[in-house]
Protein backbone atom coordinates (compact mmCIF):
# COMPACT_ATOMS: atom_id res chain seq x y z
CA UNK A 1 -4.93 -63.64 38.91
CA UNK A 2 -3.04 -60.49 39.93
CA UNK A 3 -4.95 -57.39 38.92
CA UNK A 4 -3.55 -53.91 38.46
CA UNK A 5 -3.61 -52.03 41.79
CA UNK A 6 -3.67 -55.30 43.74
CA UNK A 7 -0.80 -57.29 45.24
CA UNK A 8 1.62 -58.80 42.73
CA UNK A 9 2.34 -62.50 43.13
CA UNK A 10 5.82 -63.97 43.10
CA UNK A 11 7.26 -65.24 39.84
CA UNK A 12 7.37 -69.03 39.45
CA UNK A 13 10.96 -69.39 38.33
CA UNK A 14 12.97 -72.41 37.23
CA UNK A 15 16.32 -70.61 37.26
CA UNK A 16 17.90 -67.13 37.27
CA UNK A 17 20.60 -65.98 34.85
CA UNK A 18 22.84 -62.94 35.18
CA UNK A 19 21.98 -62.24 38.78
CA UNK A 20 21.11 -63.71 42.17
CA UNK A 21 17.93 -65.70 42.76
CA UNK A 22 15.26 -63.42 44.20
CA UNK A 23 11.56 -62.62 43.87
CA UNK A 24 9.02 -59.85 44.25
CA UNK A 25 8.29 -60.53 47.92
CA UNK A 26 12.03 -60.38 48.69
CA UNK A 27 12.37 -56.86 47.30
CA UNK A 28 9.69 -54.90 49.14
CA UNK A 29 10.82 -51.29 49.44
CA UNK A 30 11.99 -51.13 45.82
CA UNK A 31 9.87 -50.78 42.66
CA UNK A 32 10.39 -53.47 40.02
CA UNK A 33 10.13 -53.31 36.23
CA UNK A 34 9.87 -56.72 34.54
CA UNK A 35 10.12 -57.25 30.79
CA UNK A 36 8.51 -60.53 29.73
CA UNK A 37 9.85 -61.97 26.49
CA UNK A 38 10.38 -65.13 24.47
CA UNK A 39 13.59 -66.13 22.72
CA UNK A 40 11.60 -66.61 19.50
CA UNK A 41 10.04 -63.13 19.46
CA UNK A 42 11.58 -60.58 17.06
CA UNK A 43 9.61 -57.65 18.51
CA UNK A 44 10.97 -58.41 21.96
CA UNK A 45 14.50 -57.65 20.75
CA UNK A 46 13.79 -54.89 18.25
CA UNK A 47 11.50 -52.88 20.55
CA UNK A 48 10.65 -54.45 23.91
CA UNK A 49 14.06 -54.94 25.49
CA UNK A 50 15.62 -51.78 23.97
CA UNK A 51 12.76 -49.81 25.50
CA UNK A 52 13.54 -51.25 28.93
CA UNK A 53 17.26 -50.62 28.49
CA UNK A 54 16.52 -46.93 27.92
CA UNK A 55 14.35 -46.77 31.03
CA UNK A 56 16.97 -48.62 33.07
CA UNK A 57 19.65 -46.15 32.01
CA UNK A 58 17.44 -43.15 32.76
CA UNK A 59 16.70 -44.37 36.30
CA UNK A 60 20.06 -46.06 37.00
CA UNK A 61 20.58 -43.94 40.15
CA UNK A 62 17.15 -44.70 41.63
CA UNK A 63 15.93 -47.72 43.68
CA UNK A 64 14.28 -49.20 40.54
CA UNK A 65 15.02 -52.89 39.92
CA UNK A 66 14.88 -54.14 36.32
CA UNK A 67 14.43 -57.83 35.56
CA UNK A 68 13.70 -59.96 32.53
CA UNK A 69 11.32 -62.91 32.53
CA UNK A 70 11.91 -65.34 29.66
CA UNK A 71 8.83 -67.44 29.05
CA UNK A 72 7.39 -69.92 26.53
CA UNK A 73 3.77 -70.16 25.45
CA UNK A 74 4.48 -71.39 21.89
CA UNK A 75 7.38 -72.66 19.73
CA UNK A 76 8.58 -74.77 22.65
CA UNK A 77 11.38 -76.33 20.56
CA UNK A 78 12.97 -72.86 20.18
CA UNK A 79 11.88 -71.09 23.36
CA UNK A 80 14.13 -73.23 25.54
CA UNK A 81 16.39 -72.62 28.49
CA UNK A 82 19.42 -73.63 26.41
CA UNK A 83 18.68 -70.96 23.79
CA UNK A 84 18.03 -68.41 26.54
CA UNK A 85 21.38 -69.19 28.15
CA UNK A 86 23.15 -68.79 24.81
CA UNK A 87 21.38 -65.46 24.32
CA UNK A 88 22.46 -64.16 27.73
CA UNK A 89 26.03 -65.46 27.43
CA UNK A 90 26.80 -64.48 23.83
CA UNK A 91 23.92 -62.40 22.45
CA UNK A 92 23.21 -65.08 19.83
CA UNK A 93 19.61 -65.26 18.63
CA UNK A 94 17.75 -68.07 16.85
CA UNK A 95 14.58 -68.89 14.96
CA UNK A 96 12.30 -66.15 13.72
CA UNK A 97 14.19 -63.62 15.80
CA UNK A 98 17.34 -64.40 13.82
CA UNK A 99 15.55 -64.18 10.46
CA UNK A 100 13.73 -60.92 11.12
CA UNK A 101 16.61 -59.11 12.82
CA UNK A 102 19.03 -60.12 10.02
CA UNK A 103 16.59 -58.72 7.45
CA UNK A 104 16.35 -55.51 9.50
CA UNK A 105 20.13 -55.15 9.81
CA UNK A 106 19.95 -55.32 13.60
CA UNK A 107 22.50 -58.09 14.22
CA UNK A 108 26.26 -58.42 14.30
CA UNK A 109 27.39 -61.96 13.34
CA UNK A 110 23.95 -63.31 14.31
CA UNK A 111 24.24 -61.63 17.72
CA UNK A 112 22.47 -58.67 19.27
CA UNK A 113 24.35 -55.39 19.09
CA UNK A 114 23.56 -54.83 22.78
CA UNK A 115 23.87 -56.86 25.95
CA UNK A 116 21.18 -57.66 28.51
CA UNK A 117 22.67 -56.25 31.73
CA UNK A 118 19.87 -57.15 34.13
CA UNK A 119 18.96 -60.47 35.77
CA UNK A 120 16.69 -62.75 33.72
CA UNK A 121 14.42 -65.41 35.21
CA UNK A 122 13.39 -68.53 33.28
CA UNK A 123 9.65 -69.06 33.72
CA UNK A 124 8.61 -72.46 35.09
CA UNK A 125 7.45 -74.40 32.03
CA UNK A 126 5.50 -77.58 32.79
CA UNK A 127 3.50 -80.16 30.80
CA UNK A 128 0.02 -78.94 29.95
CA UNK A 129 -3.14 -80.92 30.49
CA UNK A 130 -6.70 -80.02 31.41
CA UNK A 131 -9.74 -81.59 33.02
CA UNK A 132 -12.06 -79.16 31.19
CA UNK A 133 -10.82 -77.77 27.88
CA UNK A 134 -14.07 -75.93 27.23
CA UNK A 135 -13.78 -74.02 30.51
CA UNK A 136 -10.13 -73.25 29.78
CA UNK A 137 -11.12 -72.03 26.32
CA UNK A 138 -13.76 -69.74 27.81
CA UNK A 139 -11.20 -68.25 30.21
CA UNK A 140 -8.72 -67.84 27.34
CA UNK A 141 -11.34 -66.07 25.23
CA UNK A 142 -12.31 -63.79 28.10
CA UNK A 143 -8.66 -62.68 28.36
CA UNK A 144 -7.93 -62.19 24.66
CA UNK A 145 -11.33 -61.30 23.18
CA UNK A 146 -12.96 -58.67 25.44
CA UNK A 147 -15.71 -58.03 22.84
CA UNK A 148 -16.48 -61.72 22.39
CA UNK A 149 -20.06 -61.47 23.71
CA UNK A 150 -20.84 -58.95 20.96
CA UNK A 151 -19.71 -61.28 18.17
CA UNK A 152 -22.33 -63.13 16.07
CA UNK A 153 -23.16 -66.57 17.47
CA UNK A 154 -21.59 -68.27 14.45
CA UNK A 155 -18.29 -66.47 15.09
CA UNK A 156 -18.40 -67.28 18.81
CA UNK A 157 -18.77 -70.99 18.07
CA UNK A 158 -15.95 -70.92 15.52
CA UNK A 159 -13.57 -69.09 17.88
CA UNK A 160 -14.42 -71.42 20.76
CA UNK A 161 -13.79 -74.49 18.58
CA UNK A 162 -10.43 -73.10 17.42
CA UNK A 163 -9.31 -72.23 20.95
CA UNK A 164 -10.29 -75.67 22.29
CA UNK A 165 -8.28 -77.27 19.47
CA UNK A 166 -5.30 -75.01 20.24
CA UNK A 167 -5.37 -75.91 23.94
CA UNK A 168 -5.68 -79.64 23.24
CA UNK A 169 -2.56 -79.48 21.07
CA UNK A 170 -0.59 -77.33 23.51
CA UNK A 171 2.07 -79.52 25.14
CA UNK A 172 3.40 -77.13 27.79
CA UNK A 173 2.44 -74.04 29.74
CA UNK A 174 4.44 -71.34 31.52
CA UNK A 175 3.36 -70.83 35.11
CA UNK A 176 4.08 -67.11 35.56
CA UNK A 177 2.85 -66.16 32.09
CA UNK A 178 -0.44 -67.91 32.80
CA UNK A 179 -0.72 -66.65 36.37
CA UNK A 180 -0.53 -63.03 35.19
CA UNK A 181 -2.92 -63.74 32.28
CA UNK A 182 -0.53 -62.17 29.80
CA UNK A 183 -1.62 -61.88 26.17
CA UNK A 184 1.77 -62.36 24.53
CA UNK A 185 5.29 -60.99 24.31
CA UNK A 186 6.80 -58.53 24.78
CA UNK A 187 4.85 -57.67 27.92
CA UNK A 188 5.76 -55.48 30.86
CA UNK A 189 4.93 -55.65 34.57
CA UNK A 190 5.47 -52.65 36.85
CA UNK A 191 5.34 -53.17 40.61
CA UNK A 192 5.63 -50.45 43.24
CA UNK A 193 7.77 -50.53 46.38
CA UNK A 194 4.87 -52.00 48.37
CA UNK A 195 4.53 -54.99 46.05
CA UNK A 196 1.42 -53.67 44.27
CA UNK A 197 1.05 -54.33 40.55
CA UNK A 198 0.71 -50.86 39.02
CA UNK A 199 0.90 -51.69 35.33
CA UNK A 200 0.58 -54.61 32.91
CA UNK A 201 1.06 -53.97 29.20
CA UNK A 202 1.28 -56.10 26.05
CA UNK A 203 3.56 -54.61 23.41
CA UNK A 204 5.70 -51.51 23.74
CA UNK A 205 5.46 -47.74 23.34
CA UNK A 206 3.20 -47.02 26.31
CA UNK A 207 5.25 -44.19 27.84
CA UNK A 208 7.07 -46.55 30.16
CA UNK A 209 9.50 -43.93 31.46
CA UNK A 210 6.64 -41.78 32.71
CA UNK A 211 4.96 -44.78 34.33
CA UNK A 212 8.19 -45.57 36.20
CA UNK A 213 8.55 -41.92 37.21
CA UNK A 214 5.02 -42.05 38.64
CA UNK A 215 5.68 -45.04 40.88
CA UNK A 216 9.05 -43.70 42.03
CA UNK A 217 7.22 -40.65 43.36
CA UNK A 218 4.82 -42.72 45.48
């Protein structure tokens, strides 16, 4: 698992949209900002991607590369490559994203009122199976429940049972999402010009512009 301040690993990508095929190890010498999102993720389009668009515009004349990584860790019938391609080509959104953004007045004819001008990679989504669901559940809990060991024993058993059940019913997994141990979407990865992972955040509003400014000065 790539840790902050250690070497970032290459993305496991099925296909690139809106730009040439590339990867982290091909771009040494330039810092990279990657916004991780799902098609069926309203917050990705109301906050996550707009935040990155602002940063991209601010640093448009710098060596900073900005990429998107579309992934799928749930709602696999909606978070598909076909829906991603439609999004990139036309701005059309679907699923919960469509419902929430319509209610918020953020769409124009069911389409985003902005375009995504940077390359977007489609995460490699593969069938999910496990030889040890309990071990996988323990690793999942360690990632998402840092205070788990302080929970009452009854709660620990209940959470473990629920996570095991979730993993047994999970049909697919996304390779890059899992490799970076991300908690959800939107998430952001920030990599310096030497290929070192300098930031990994879940959500938005973490002073991203200042973080980018910091790595550009390295």
